[in-house]
Amino acid sequence: MRPTLIALLLTFAAPAFAAPAPFFIWQSKLDGALTCAQTSPGDGWLRLGGAFRDAGCRVPY
């Protein structure tokens, strides 16, 4: 009973330690345009820099 209770408590406590994904600066291979996103916008983009805390890619981690 006790191990089951501990496992249950740890399961519910795990999300308390979760953090948002970082943002990165991406550059288009086609025209050099820049964008800020958490994941790649597609095949035609290169990751230039990161990681940032905000969606504007201004506050570094």
Protein backbone atom coordinates (compact mmCIF):
# COMPACT_ATOMS: atom_id res chain seq x y z
CA MET A 1 0.00 0.00 0.00
CA ARG A 2 2.76 2.44 0.92
CA PRO A 3 4.76 2.08 -2.37
CA THR A 4 1.55 2.59 -4.32
CA LEU A 5 0.80 5.79 -2.41
CA ILE A 6 4.32 7.11 -2.97
CA ALA A 7 4.13 6.33 -6.69
CA LEU A 8 0.77 8.08 -6.92
CA LEU A 9 2.07 11.20 -5.15
CA LEU A 10 5.15 11.36 -7.39
CA THR A 11 2.97 11.05 -10.47
CA PHE A 12 0.91 14.07 -9.45
CA ALA A 13 3.97 16.08 -8.36
CA ALA A 14 5.90 15.66 -11.64
CA PRO A 15 4.07 18.43 -13.59
CA ALA A 16 5.12 20.94 -10.92
CA PHE A 17 8.69 20.70 -12.24
CA ALA A 18 7.79 21.09 -15.92
CA ALA A 19 9.14 24.09 -17.83
CA PRO A 20 8.09 25.62 -21.15
CA ALA A 21 10.12 24.84 -24.25
CA PRO A 22 12.69 27.48 -25.26
CA PHE A 23 12.31 29.68 -28.35
CA PHE A 24 14.92 29.85 -31.12
CA ILE A 25 15.69 32.25 -33.98
CA TRP A 26 15.14 30.65 -37.39
CA GLN A 27 16.36 32.00 -40.77
CA SER A 28 14.74 31.22 -44.11
CA LYS A 29 17.01 29.59 -46.70
CA LEU A 30 14.90 31.20 -49.42
CA ASP A 31 15.06 34.92 -48.61
CA GLY A 32 16.90 35.24 -45.28
CA ALA A 33 13.81 36.25 -43.30
CA LEU A 34 14.00 35.71 -39.53
CA THR A 35 11.36 34.31 -37.20
CA CYS A 36 11.17 33.23 -33.57
CA ALA A 37 9.62 29.83 -32.81
CA GLN A 38 9.90 26.87 -30.46
CA THR A 39 10.05 24.33 -33.29
CA SER A 40 11.26 24.48 -36.87
CA PRO A 41 8.88 26.30 -39.23
CA GLY A 42 9.75 23.74 -41.93
CA ASP A 43 12.46 22.27 -44.13
CA GLY A 44 13.56 25.61 -45.57
CA TRP A 45 14.68 27.08 -42.24
CA LEU A 46 18.00 27.07 -40.33
CA ARG A 47 18.28 27.58 -36.58
CA LEU A 48 20.50 30.61 -35.94
CA GLY A 49 20.39 31.15 -32.22
CA GLY A 50 18.68 30.48 -28.96
CA ALA A 51 17.54 29.62 -26.42
CA PHE A 52 15.18 32.40 -25.37
CA ARG A 53 12.46 32.59 -22.72
CA ASP A 54 10.00 34.77 -24.66
CA ALA A 55 8.22 34.53 -28.01
CA GLY A 56 10.01 37.66 -29.22
CA CYS A 57 13.44 36.02 -28.79
CA ARG A 58 14.67 38.89 -26.57
CA VAL A 59 15.18 37.33 -23.12
CA PRO A 60 17.95 34.68 -23.15
CA TYR A 61 17.91 31.66 -20.85
